[in-house]
Protein backbone atom coordinates (compact mmCIF):
# COMPACT_ATOMS: atom_id res chain seq x y z
CA MET A 1 -52.25 -27.94 44.73
CA ALA A 2 -51.57 -24.65 46.53
CA GLU A 3 -48.17 -23.62 47.84
CA LEU A 4 -46.47 -20.46 49.05
CA ARG A 5 -43.14 -19.10 47.85
CA PRO A 6 -41.38 -16.45 49.98
CA ASP A 7 -40.51 -13.14 48.35
CA ARG A 8 -36.73 -12.70 48.31
CA ASP A 9 -37.04 -8.90 48.21
CA ARG A 10 -39.79 -8.40 50.80
CA SER A 11 -39.50 -10.25 54.10
CA SER A 12 -43.28 -10.27 54.63
CA GLY A 13 -44.14 -11.03 51.01
CA TRP A 14 -45.49 -14.32 49.65
CA THR A 15 -46.47 -15.59 46.22
CA LEU A 16 -49.34 -18.06 46.03
CA LEU A 17 -48.90 -20.76 43.39
CA VAL A 18 -51.70 -23.09 42.30
CA ASN A 19 -50.52 -26.16 40.42
CA GLY A 20 -47.24 -24.36 39.77
CA THR A 21 -48.82 -21.20 38.31
CA PRO A 22 -48.25 -17.90 40.20
CA GLN A 23 -51.74 -16.83 41.19
CA SER A 24 -51.41 -14.03 43.73
CA HIS A 25 -48.88 -12.06 45.74
CA VAL A 26 -49.44 -10.76 49.27
CA ASP A 27 -47.33 -8.61 51.56
CA LEU A 28 -48.70 -9.30 55.04
CA ALA A 29 -47.11 -6.12 56.44
CA ASP A 30 -48.33 -3.85 53.64
CA PRO A 31 -51.69 -4.76 52.06
CA GLU A 32 -51.44 -1.75 49.77
CA TYR A 33 -48.40 -3.22 48.03
CA LEU A 34 -49.35 -5.04 44.82
CA GLU A 35 -46.60 -6.99 43.05
CA PHE A 36 -48.49 -7.84 39.86
CA GLU A 37 -48.77 -4.94 37.42
CA TYR A 38 -52.31 -5.77 36.32
CA MET A 39 -53.46 -5.69 39.94
CA ARG A 40 -52.03 -2.19 40.31
CA ARG A 41 -54.13 -1.15 37.33
CA LEU A 42 -57.26 -2.64 38.84
CA ALA A 43 -56.33 -0.91 42.11
CA HIS A 44 -56.30 2.43 40.28
CA VAL A 45 -59.87 1.68 39.20
CA VAL A 46 -60.71 1.08 42.87
CA ASP A 47 -59.06 4.35 43.90
CA LEU A 48 -61.07 6.37 41.38
CA ALA A 49 -64.41 4.68 42.05
CA ALA A 50 -65.36 6.99 44.95
CA PRO A 51 -63.89 9.84 47.03
CA PRO A 52 -60.66 8.82 48.85
CA GLY A 53 -61.34 6.58 51.84
CA ALA A 54 -65.06 6.26 51.17
CA PRO A 55 -66.38 2.70 51.62
CA VAL A 56 -67.67 0.85 48.58
CA ASP A 57 -69.38 -2.45 47.90
CA VAL A 58 -67.10 -4.76 45.92
CA VAL A 59 -67.55 -8.19 44.38
CA HIS A 60 -64.39 -10.08 43.46
CA LEU A 61 -64.92 -12.93 41.02
CA GLY A 62 -61.82 -14.99 41.71
CA GLY A 63 -60.53 -15.08 45.26
CA GLY A 64 -57.01 -16.42 45.27
CA ALA A 65 -55.00 -14.84 48.09
CA LEU A 66 -57.52 -11.94 48.28
CA SER A 67 -54.84 -9.43 47.27
CA LEU A 68 -57.25 -6.80 45.94
CA ALA A 69 -59.65 -7.35 48.83
CA ARG A 70 -56.79 -6.60 51.23
CA TYR A 71 -55.98 -3.47 49.23
CA VAL A 72 -59.60 -2.28 49.36
CA GLY A 73 -59.73 -2.97 53.11
CA ALA A 74 -56.63 -0.82 53.67
CA ARG A 75 -57.59 2.03 51.33
CA ARG A 76 -61.32 2.02 51.95
CA PRO A 77 -62.08 0.79 55.48
CA ARG A 78 -65.67 -0.30 56.18
CA SER A 79 -66.12 -1.43 52.57
CA ARG A 80 -68.33 -4.48 52.14
CA GLN A 81 -66.66 -7.13 50.04
CA ARG A 82 -67.60 -10.52 48.65
CA ALA A 83 -65.13 -12.85 46.94
CA VAL A 84 -66.26 -15.82 44.88
CA GLU A 85 -63.73 -18.65 44.76
CA PRO A 86 -64.78 -22.15 43.69
CA ASP A 87 -61.92 -23.87 45.52
CA GLY A 88 -62.96 -23.94 49.17
CA ARG A 89 -59.74 -25.69 50.19
CA LEU A 90 -57.72 -22.88 48.63
CA THR A 91 -59.68 -20.32 50.66
CA GLU A 92 -59.00 -22.27 53.86
CA PHE A 93 -55.31 -22.46 52.97
CA VAL A 94 -55.13 -18.70 52.36
CA ARG A 95 -56.98 -17.78 55.57
CA GLU A 96 -54.70 -20.04 57.60
CA ARG A 97 -51.36 -19.13 56.03
CA LEU A 98 -52.03 -15.54 54.92
CA PRO A 99 -54.35 -14.10 57.59
CA LEU A 100 -56.36 -11.00 56.76
CA ASP A 101 -55.84 -7.61 58.36
CA ALA A 102 -58.63 -6.64 60.74
CA ARG A 103 -59.62 -3.77 58.44
CA THR A 104 -60.54 -6.15 55.63
CA ARG A 105 -64.18 -7.22 55.69
CA VAL A 106 -64.67 -9.89 53.05
CA ARG A 107 -66.97 -12.88 52.81
CA VAL A 108 -65.89 -15.72 50.56
CA SER A 109 -68.38 -17.88 48.69
CA ALA A 110 -67.32 -21.25 47.32
CA ALA A 111 -69.09 -21.20 43.95
CA ASP A 112 -68.66 -20.93 40.21
CA ALA A 113 -68.31 -17.24 39.37
CA ARG A 114 -71.03 -17.09 36.74
CA GLU A 115 -73.52 -19.22 38.67
CA TRP A 116 -73.04 -17.01 41.72
CA LEU A 117 -73.34 -13.81 39.67
CA THR A 118 -76.54 -15.00 37.98
CA GLY A 119 -78.14 -15.55 41.38
CA HIS A 120 -76.96 -12.25 42.89
CA ARG A 121 -79.38 -9.39 43.34
CA GLN A 122 -79.70 -6.54 40.86
CA ASP A 123 -78.15 -3.09 41.46
CA SER A 124 -76.19 -4.34 44.46
CA THR A 125 -72.52 -3.48 44.01
CA ASP A 126 -70.28 -0.55 43.11
CA LEU A 127 -67.34 -2.52 41.74
CA LEU A 128 -67.17 -5.90 40.06
CA LEU A 129 -63.58 -7.13 39.64
CA VAL A 130 -62.99 -10.26 37.58
CA ASP A 131 -59.76 -12.23 37.85
CA VAL A 132 -60.76 -15.85 37.31
CA PHE A 133 -58.45 -18.47 35.87
CA SER A 134 -58.60 -22.21 35.48
CA GLY A 135 -54.93 -23.04 35.37
CA ALA A 136 -53.65 -20.06 33.42
CA ARG A 137 -56.74 -19.50 31.22
CA THR A 138 -59.99 -17.60 31.72
CA PRO A 139 -62.90 -20.07 31.48
CA ALA A 140 -64.99 -19.71 28.33
CA HIS A 141 -68.30 -19.07 30.13
CA LEU A 142 -66.83 -15.88 31.67
CA THR A 143 -65.99 -14.31 28.30
CA THR A 144 -69.41 -13.79 26.72
CA VAL A 145 -72.09 -11.18 26.16
CA GLU A 146 -74.42 -13.20 28.40
CA PHE A 147 -71.87 -13.04 31.23
CA ALA A 148 -71.37 -9.29 30.69
CA GLU A 149 -75.13 -8.80 30.86
CA GLN A 150 -75.19 -10.43 34.28
CA ALA A 151 -72.30 -8.19 35.36
CA SER A 152 -74.22 -5.15 34.17
CA ARG A 153 -77.32 -6.29 36.02
CA VAL A 154 -75.65 -6.46 39.45
CA LEU A 155 -73.83 -3.13 39.13
CA ARG A 156 -75.43 -0.03 40.58
CA SER A 157 -75.89 3.10 38.49
CA GLY A 158 -72.38 4.40 37.90
CA GLY A 159 -70.84 1.08 38.95
CA VAL A 160 -67.63 -0.10 37.33
CA TYR A 161 -66.58 -3.46 35.90
CA GLY A 162 -62.89 -4.36 35.74
CA ALA A 163 -61.37 -7.57 34.38
CA ASN A 164 -57.94 -9.09 33.91
CA VAL A 165 -57.42 -10.66 30.48
CA GLY A 166 -54.41 -12.68 29.36
CA ASP A 167 -53.52 -12.70 25.67
CA GLY A 168 -50.67 -12.59 23.18
CA PRO A 169 -50.09 -11.97 19.47
CA PRO A 170 -52.27 -11.32 17.50
CA LEU A 171 -54.49 -10.32 20.47
CA ALA A 172 -57.58 -11.85 18.87
CA PHE A 173 -58.99 -12.85 22.25
CA ALA A 174 -58.58 -9.35 23.73
CA ARG A 175 -60.12 -7.73 20.67
CA GLY A 176 -63.11 -10.04 21.00
CA GLN A 177 -63.45 -9.16 24.66
CA VAL A 178 -63.55 -5.44 23.81
CA ALA A 179 -66.34 -6.12 21.31
CA THR A 180 -68.16 -8.25 23.87
CA LEU A 181 -68.14 -5.59 26.57
CA ARG A 182 -69.13 -2.90 24.08
CA ALA A 183 -72.23 -4.93 23.24
CA VAL A 184 -73.39 -4.35 26.84
CA PHE A 185 -71.65 -1.24 28.22
CA PRO A 186 -71.51 2.17 26.50
CA GLU A 187 -68.20 3.07 28.17
CA VAL A 188 -65.23 0.71 27.71
CA LEU A 189 -61.46 1.19 27.89
CA LEU A 190 -58.39 -1.00 27.80
CA ILE A 191 -55.11 -0.76 29.74
CA ALA A 192 -51.90 -2.63 28.91
CA GLU A 193 -48.17 -2.21 28.52
CA PRO A 194 -47.14 -0.91 25.07
CA GLY A 195 -45.24 -4.10 24.24
CA VAL A 196 -48.34 -6.19 24.82
CA LEU A 197 -50.54 -3.83 22.81
CA ARG A 198 -48.11 -3.95 19.90
CA GLY A 199 -48.29 -7.71 19.86
CA ARG A 200 -44.67 -8.23 20.83
CA ARG A 201 -45.35 -10.59 23.72
CA PHE A 202 -47.96 -12.31 25.86
CA GLY A 203 -49.22 -10.33 28.84
CA ASN A 204 -52.10 -9.06 30.93
CA LEU A 205 -54.61 -6.51 29.69
CA VAL A 206 -57.16 -4.82 31.94
CA LEU A 207 -60.62 -4.04 30.60
CA VAL A 208 -62.81 -1.45 32.34
CA ALA A 209 -66.48 -0.83 31.56
CA SER A 210 -69.42 1.13 32.89
CA HIS A 211 -72.74 2.72 31.99
CA ALA A 212 -71.36 6.04 33.29
CA PRO A 213 -68.41 8.08 31.99
CA LEU A 214 -65.09 6.67 33.14
CA PRO A 215 -62.28 8.82 34.67
CA VAL A 216 -60.10 8.55 31.57
CA ALA A 217 -57.72 11.44 32.27
CA ALA A 218 -57.05 10.48 35.91
CA LEU A 219 -56.68 6.81 35.06
CA THR A 220 -54.29 7.64 32.21
CA ARG A 221 -52.05 9.58 34.60
CA LEU A 222 -52.01 6.78 37.15
CA VAL A 223 -51.23 3.92 34.79
CA SER A 224 -48.57 5.90 32.93
CA GLY A 225 -46.82 6.60 36.23
CA ASP A 226 -46.61 2.98 37.38
CA PRO A 227 -43.23 1.18 37.69
CA ALA A 228 -44.21 -0.64 34.49
CA PRO A 229 -45.96 2.20 32.62
CA ALA A 230 -49.09 1.24 30.72
CA ARG A 231 -51.13 2.81 27.97
CA LEU A 232 -54.87 3.50 28.17
CA VAL A 233 -56.82 2.91 24.96
CA GLU A 234 -60.32 4.35 24.44
CA GLY A 235 -62.54 6.05 21.91
CA SER A 236 -61.42 5.88 18.28
CA ASP A 237 -58.17 4.15 19.27
CA LEU A 238 -60.21 1.38 20.86
CA ASP A 239 -62.35 1.24 17.69
CA ALA A 240 -59.19 0.56 15.74
CA PHE A 241 -58.00 -2.02 18.25
CA ALA A 242 -61.27 -3.97 18.16
CA GLY A 243 -61.46 -3.75 14.38
CA THR A 244 -64.00 -6.19 12.97
CA SER A 245 -64.04 -8.48 16.00
CA ALA A 246 -67.50 -9.73 16.88
CA PRO A 247 -68.98 -10.05 20.37
CA VAL A 248 -68.54 -13.52 21.87
CA ARG A 249 -71.72 -15.48 22.62
CA ASP A 250 -72.21 -18.52 24.81
CA GLY A 251 -72.48 -20.87 21.85
CA SER A 252 -69.08 -19.96 20.43
CA ALA A 253 -67.03 -19.05 23.50
CA LYS A 254 -63.53 -20.38 24.08
CA PRO A 255 -61.17 -19.97 27.04
CA SER A 256 -58.41 -17.38 26.84
CA PRO A 257 -55.15 -18.49 25.20
CA ALA A 258 -52.63 -20.38 27.28
CA PRO A 259 -49.41 -18.47 28.04
CA PRO A 260 -46.36 -19.62 26.11
CA SER A 261 -44.07 -22.19 27.67
CA GLY A 262 -41.80 -20.59 30.26
CA PHE A 263 -43.97 -17.48 30.65
CA PHE A 264 -44.01 -17.73 34.43
């Protein structure tokens, strides 16, 4: 069940809840405002994907309130965007209650994210952003090497993959996801708040991957300057983070851990 909760601090802001879980936040007067910290980090990936203002082709796996699609439409007009959201009724609810700015060109497909991705054409998108949850957990079939291979297939040369991952101590799921992406992409980095990385609490981690070098220095500056500063982990530090974790395959995949009671 979808419902909207007004933002007490922003008169034009709304939080979308699905079955009681906060799923998205939208400010109808300012599509560039992103309430959720992990979305700001994914937005930095969007900002560095091409020269400022240049249009890009973006696929969003996970539609929700289309927060990142609205951001792309505002920052990169004329971008072509596709969102994949299995809940068609949710999409209708969002379009009716949270109408899109005219600058945002996005088509929404009602489909399972992996099924849609498997059928999508090769070398067809610049950015693939993954933010898919069933309840508060990432479905198992979106956490595997086989899924990452499909993501790699649809990305153009130099294209970038970005995903939101939820995990908590001891971060076993996130470590496995790093190993999984590294089995497919030569360039992988991780972004999260220091407290989450140290295993002090549950939180969101952003994984970024590509077949081309990633803008590590610029991305480090951006995420460290956010209202909730984050740390970027790559290279030997990411080796240490992943440790002995093995890539996840379809036959052994599990959904991401559920947040602790009271997390939201």
